[in-house]
């Protein structure tokens, strides 16, 4: 049954990702890369970066009456600029639009060419395609490597860590993960040493359960290594320096939680609680954890 649920989730994810498209081109004379993901309800999210700087910028918007509009916001949530594409056709190889500074009303022309589009179906296949990610670190940015065998599912096969401005490859790591929308990579201080690390979405399961792979930074080598951190839907609290795990199944009837501390870059269990729904009392009761 769990296998059937996972297959269904993967199928739905592949449909959702069909509108994910990569473009390269220019805002005025400035080269950019743009990655869009437009849902079936015409809401859209995107990432773009100026190629001379490589700092990704997240934008969001809508596709209405063939007009695709994305807004960029500042830290307070205020719209600061927008991209507008009139008569937008997602199948077109060439796209033109306008970038507008909403404070000064300055407008610049956008010219883009489609370089890749995630499709689904038995005939769809590709190998080692690189797609921009929405997060970056100081001096570094990420590109996900994805592949799809004919008749199979899209998989994340690796990640590249690149130097901003020069595009120099710092490190490449091989992976076997699911593709999950635009936001496959997160950053955070996972071992609480004051240095930011990164994680990659690994898999989704029944209910809200997910897993990630966690890569920690080694200051001596300047490289990242895959940690032994594992668990379901982990949350990291930098104040308490604790890791919380939450796992539920069976339509929410079973809920397991755990708390960990980090010792020598390893998760050490502090406490664990297992709850099961009791039909007689209409509430959860503690049970022995397996």
Protein backbone atom coordinates (compact mmCIF):
# COMPACT_ATOMS: atom_id res chain seq x y z
CA UNK A 1 0.00 0.00 0.00
CA UNK A 2 2.81 2.43 0.94
CA UNK A 3 4.51 1.70 -2.38
CA UNK A 4 1.31 2.56 -4.26
CA UNK A 5 1.00 5.84 -2.35
CA UNK A 6 4.62 6.75 -3.13
CA UNK A 7 4.15 5.97 -6.83
CA UNK A 8 1.02 8.12 -6.91
CA UNK A 9 2.85 11.00 -5.26
CA UNK A 10 5.70 10.74 -7.73
CA UNK A 11 3.25 10.74 -10.63
CA UNK A 12 1.48 13.84 -9.31
CA UNK A 13 4.82 15.54 -8.77
CA UNK A 14 5.86 14.83 -12.35
CA UNK A 15 2.66 16.42 -13.62
CA UNK A 16 3.16 19.48 -11.42
CA UNK A 17 6.72 19.88 -12.66
CA UNK A 18 5.74 19.80 -16.34
CA UNK A 19 5.66 23.61 -16.45
CA UNK A 20 9.16 24.05 -15.02
CA UNK A 21 11.19 25.81 -17.71
CA UNK A 22 14.67 27.30 -17.94
CA UNK A 23 15.43 30.40 -20.04
CA UNK A 24 18.61 32.34 -20.68
CA UNK A 25 18.86 35.82 -22.12
CA UNK A 26 19.07 39.45 -21.13
CA UNK A 27 17.48 42.22 -19.12
CA UNK A 28 18.67 45.10 -21.29
CA UNK A 29 22.39 44.26 -21.77
CA UNK A 30 22.69 42.21 -18.57
CA UNK A 31 22.76 38.41 -19.04
CA UNK A 32 20.39 36.42 -16.85
CA UNK A 33 19.11 32.91 -16.24
CA UNK A 34 15.41 32.41 -15.39
CA UNK A 35 13.73 29.27 -14.08
CA UNK A 36 9.92 29.30 -13.98
CA UNK A 37 7.36 26.93 -12.50
CA UNK A 38 3.76 27.72 -13.44
CA UNK A 39 1.05 25.61 -11.80
CA UNK A 40 -2.15 24.39 -13.39
CA UNK A 41 -4.07 27.12 -11.50
CA UNK A 42 -1.90 29.74 -13.28
CA UNK A 43 -0.01 30.77 -10.16
CA UNK A 44 3.71 30.85 -10.69
CA UNK A 45 7.06 30.92 -8.94
CA UNK A 46 10.44 31.60 -10.47
CA UNK A 47 14.12 32.10 -9.76
CA UNK A 48 16.42 34.37 -11.71
CA UNK A 49 20.03 35.44 -11.42
CA UNK A 50 22.24 37.93 -13.18
CA UNK A 51 24.99 35.81 -14.71
CA UNK A 52 27.69 38.30 -13.69
CA UNK A 53 26.77 37.89 -10.00
CA UNK A 54 25.00 34.50 -9.67
CA UNK A 55 22.94 35.44 -6.62
CA UNK A 56 19.50 33.82 -7.09
CA UNK A 57 16.40 35.96 -6.63
CA UNK A 58 12.99 34.44 -5.93
CA UNK A 59 9.93 35.95 -7.60
CA UNK A 60 6.26 34.98 -7.76
CA UNK A 61 3.19 35.93 -9.76
CA UNK A 62 0.41 34.77 -12.04
CA UNK A 63 -0.47 33.94 -15.64
CA UNK A 64 -3.78 35.62 -16.56
CA UNK A 65 -5.21 36.25 -20.00
CA UNK A 66 -1.86 35.33 -21.59
CA UNK A 67 -0.02 37.90 -19.44
CA UNK A 68 2.67 36.42 -17.22
CA UNK A 69 3.71 38.70 -14.36
CA UNK A 70 6.33 38.07 -11.70
CA UNK A 71 6.99 40.34 -8.71
CA UNK A 72 10.19 40.74 -6.73
CA UNK A 73 9.81 41.72 -3.06
CA UNK A 74 12.10 43.28 -0.48
CA UNK A 75 12.59 41.93 3.06
CA UNK A 76 9.40 43.64 4.25
CA UNK A 77 7.29 41.98 1.57
CA UNK A 78 6.89 45.12 -0.54
CA UNK A 79 6.93 44.70 -4.33
CA UNK A 80 10.05 46.40 -5.69
CA UNK A 81 10.10 45.31 -9.33
CA UNK A 82 8.19 43.19 -11.79
CA UNK A 83 8.66 41.20 -14.98
CA UNK A 84 5.80 41.31 -17.48
CA UNK A 85 5.46 39.05 -20.52
CA UNK A 86 2.55 39.97 -22.83
CA UNK A 87 0.98 37.24 -24.99
CA UNK A 88 2.99 34.64 -23.12
CA UNK A 89 3.10 31.23 -24.78
CA UNK A 90 4.74 28.51 -22.62
CA UNK A 91 5.56 26.51 -25.77
CA UNK A 92 7.41 29.37 -27.48
CA UNK A 93 11.17 29.11 -27.87
CA UNK A 94 11.57 32.90 -27.63
CA UNK A 95 10.05 35.16 -24.98
CA UNK A 96 10.08 38.94 -24.71
CA UNK A 97 8.93 41.15 -21.88
CA UNK A 98 9.61 44.16 -19.71
CA UNK A 99 11.39 44.56 -16.38
CA UNK A 100 10.04 47.50 -14.36
CA UNK A 101 11.46 49.18 -11.26
CA UNK A 102 8.30 49.94 -9.29
CA UNK A 103 9.94 52.80 -7.39
CA UNK A 104 11.46 54.74 -10.29
CA UNK A 105 9.18 53.31 -13.05
CA UNK A 106 12.31 52.62 -15.11
CA UNK A 107 11.70 49.94 -17.75
CA UNK A 108 14.16 47.57 -19.43
CA UNK A 109 13.54 45.09 -22.23
CA UNK A 110 13.73 41.34 -21.51
CA UNK A 111 14.71 38.89 -24.26
CA UNK A 112 14.87 35.18 -23.44
CA UNK A 113 15.41 31.85 -25.15
CA UNK A 114 14.10 28.58 -23.78
CA UNK A 115 16.95 26.18 -23.00
CA UNK A 116 15.15 23.37 -21.17
CA UNK A 117 11.67 22.28 -20.13
CA UNK A 118 10.71 19.46 -17.79
CA UNK A 119 8.16 17.27 -19.50
CA UNK A 120 6.47 14.03 -18.55
CA UNK A 121 5.32 10.96 -20.43
CA UNK A 122 6.97 7.80 -21.62
CA UNK A 123 8.91 9.59 -24.37
CA UNK A 124 10.48 12.22 -22.10
CA UNK A 125 14.13 11.66 -21.25
CA UNK A 126 17.25 13.71 -20.49
CA UNK A 127 20.56 13.32 -18.71
CA UNK A 128 22.57 15.60 -16.41
CA UNK A 129 20.61 18.81 -16.95
CA UNK A 130 21.61 21.60 -14.54
CA UNK A 131 18.95 23.80 -12.96
CA UNK A 132 19.42 26.87 -10.75
CA UNK A 133 18.42 26.71 -7.08
CA UNK A 134 16.82 29.55 -5.08
CA UNK A 135 19.33 29.70 -2.20
CA UNK A 136 23.02 30.54 -2.09
CA UNK A 137 25.86 30.99 0.37
CA UNK A 138 28.45 33.74 0.60
CA UNK A 139 30.47 33.44 -2.58
CA UNK A 140 28.74 30.21 -3.65
CA UNK A 141 25.61 29.12 -5.47
CA UNK A 142 24.00 25.80 -6.34
CA UNK A 143 22.86 23.98 -9.44
CA UNK A 144 20.90 20.76 -9.22
CA UNK A 145 21.71 17.98 -11.70
CA UNK A 146 18.65 16.07 -12.90
CA UNK A 147 18.18 13.09 -15.21
CA UNK A 148 15.25 11.09 -16.50
CA UNK A 149 15.43 7.71 -18.22
CA UNK A 150 12.90 7.01 -20.94
CA UNK A 151 9.72 5.74 -19.32
CA UNK A 152 10.96 6.59 -15.83
CA UNK A 153 10.74 9.41 -13.30
CA UNK A 154 12.84 12.55 -13.02
CA UNK A 155 15.58 12.09 -10.43
CA UNK A 156 18.15 14.36 -8.84
CA UNK A 157 21.51 12.79 -9.66
CA UNK A 158 23.82 15.40 -8.20
CA UNK A 159 24.49 18.93 -7.06
CA UNK A 160 27.14 21.42 -8.16
CA UNK A 161 28.55 24.06 -5.81
CA UNK A 162 29.89 26.93 -7.89
CA UNK A 163 31.77 30.13 -7.21
CA UNK A 164 29.75 33.28 -7.79
CA UNK A 165 30.89 35.60 -10.60
CA UNK A 166 33.44 33.12 -12.02
CA UNK A 167 31.22 29.99 -12.21
CA UNK A 168 34.23 27.96 -11.10
CA UNK A 169 33.26 24.48 -9.89
CA UNK A 170 34.05 24.18 -6.17
CA UNK A 171 32.54 20.76 -5.55
CA UNK A 172 30.23 18.23 -7.20
CA UNK A 173 28.32 15.61 -5.21
CA UNK A 174 26.49 12.60 -6.65
CA UNK A 175 22.96 12.02 -5.35
CA UNK A 176 19.91 9.80 -5.71
CA UNK A 177 16.93 11.95 -4.71
CA UNK A 178 13.48 12.99 -5.86
CA UNK A 179 12.89 16.30 -7.62
CA UNK A 180 10.64 18.58 -5.58
CA UNK A 181 9.53 21.77 -7.32
CA UNK A 182 11.96 24.66 -7.44
CA UNK A 183 13.18 24.41 -3.85
CA UNK A 184 15.23 21.24 -3.54
CA UNK A 185 18.10 22.80 -1.60
CA UNK A 186 17.89 24.51 1.78
CA UNK A 187 20.64 26.14 3.79
CA UNK A 188 21.10 26.23 7.56
CA UNK A 189 23.53 25.62 10.40
CA UNK A 190 22.62 21.98 10.97
CA UNK A 191 25.40 21.06 13.40
CA UNK A 192 25.22 24.40 15.26
CA UNK A 193 28.88 25.32 14.72
CA UNK A 194 28.15 28.81 13.43
CA UNK A 195 28.79 27.89 9.76
CA UNK A 196 25.99 27.45 7.24
CA UNK A 197 25.54 24.03 5.68
CA UNK A 198 23.07 22.81 3.07
CA UNK A 199 20.54 20.02 2.62
CA UNK A 200 18.88 18.38 -0.38
CA UNK A 201 15.31 17.10 -0.51
CA UNK A 202 15.49 13.32 -0.62
CA UNK A 203 12.01 11.81 -0.63
CA UNK A 204 8.35 12.21 0.27
CA UNK A 205 6.25 9.58 1.97
CA UNK A 206 2.64 9.07 3.00
CA UNK A 207 1.15 12.08 4.75
CA UNK A 208 3.38 15.10 5.48
CA UNK A 209 6.53 13.01 6.05
CA UNK A 210 9.66 13.97 4.13
CA UNK A 211 13.38 13.33 4.37
CA UNK A 212 16.48 15.29 3.38
CA UNK A 213 20.21 14.67 3.03
CA UNK A 214 22.37 16.97 5.16
CA UNK A 215 25.81 18.17 4.06
CA UNK A 216 28.08 19.79 6.63
CA UNK A 217 30.95 22.16 5.93
CA UNK A 218 34.49 21.16 6.87
CA UNK A 219 36.52 24.35 7.47
CA UNK A 220 39.80 22.45 7.14
CA UNK A 221 39.12 21.18 3.62
CA UNK A 222 36.73 23.89 2.44
CA UNK A 223 34.42 21.10 1.26
CA UNK A 224 31.06 19.66 2.29
CA UNK A 225 30.55 16.08 3.45
CA UNK A 226 27.36 14.05 3.80
CA UNK A 227 26.47 13.73 7.46
CA UNK A 228 24.82 10.77 9.16
CA UNK A 229 21.85 12.97 10.08
CA UNK A 230 18.62 11.15 9.25
CA UNK A 231 14.99 11.25 10.26
CA UNK A 232 11.55 12.34 9.19
CA UNK A 233 10.71 16.03 8.76
CA UNK A 234 13.62 17.24 10.89
CA UNK A 235 13.50 20.77 12.33
CA UNK A 236 16.61 22.57 13.62
CA UNK A 237 16.45 25.07 16.52
CA UNK A 238 19.55 27.28 16.60
CA UNK A 239 18.61 28.75 19.99
CA UNK A 240 18.29 25.47 21.89
CA UNK A 241 20.70 23.64 19.56
CA UNK A 242 18.29 20.77 19.32
CA UNK A 243 16.84 18.78 16.42
CA UNK A 244 13.16 17.82 16.48
CA UNK A 245 11.71 14.93 14.49
CA UNK A 246 8.02 14.47 13.67
CA UNK A 247 6.63 11.34 12.03
CA UNK A 248 2.99 10.49 11.54
CA UNK A 249 1.22 7.79 9.63
CA UNK A 250 -2.04 5.92 9.19
CA UNK A 251 -4.13 9.07 8.55
CA UNK A 252 -2.67 10.68 11.64
CA UNK A 253 -3.56 7.87 14.02
CA UNK A 254 0.09 7.29 14.94
CA UNK A 255 2.38 10.21 15.79
CA UNK A 256 5.99 9.78 16.86
CA UNK A 257 8.28 12.61 17.95
CA UNK A 258 11.90 12.73 19.03
CA UNK A 259 14.48 15.26 20.19
CA UNK A 260 18.20 15.09 19.48
CA UNK A 261 21.38 16.96 20.35
CA UNK A 262 24.49 17.10 18.17
CA UNK A 263 27.75 15.57 19.40
CA UNK A 264 30.76 15.39 17.07
CA UNK A 265 28.53 16.00 14.03
CA UNK A 266 26.22 13.13 14.97
CA UNK A 267 22.60 13.12 16.16
CA UNK A 268 22.22 11.78 19.72
CA UNK A 269 18.72 10.88 20.91
CA UNK A 270 17.58 12.74 24.04
CA UNK A 271 13.94 11.68 24.24
CA UNK A 272 11.27 9.99 22.16
CA UNK A 273 7.49 9.95 22.41
CA UNK A 274 5.10 7.63 20.58
CA UNK A 275 1.36 8.29 20.50
CA UNK A 276 -1.54 6.30 19.09
CA UNK A 277 -5.14 7.42 18.67
CA UNK A 278 -7.57 5.64 20.99
CA UNK A 279 -11.07 5.25 19.54
CA UNK A 280 -12.56 4.65 23.00
CA UNK A 281 -11.33 7.89 24.56
CA UNK A 282 -11.24 9.94 21.35
CA UNK A 283 -7.73 11.07 22.21
CA UNK A 284 -4.10 10.01 21.84
CA UNK A 285 -2.39 7.73 24.33
CA UNK A 286 1.27 7.00 24.86
CA UNK A 287 2.50 3.65 23.58
CA UNK A 288 5.85 1.89 23.64
CA UNK A 289 8.18 3.03 20.88
CA UNK A 290 9.53 0.25 18.68
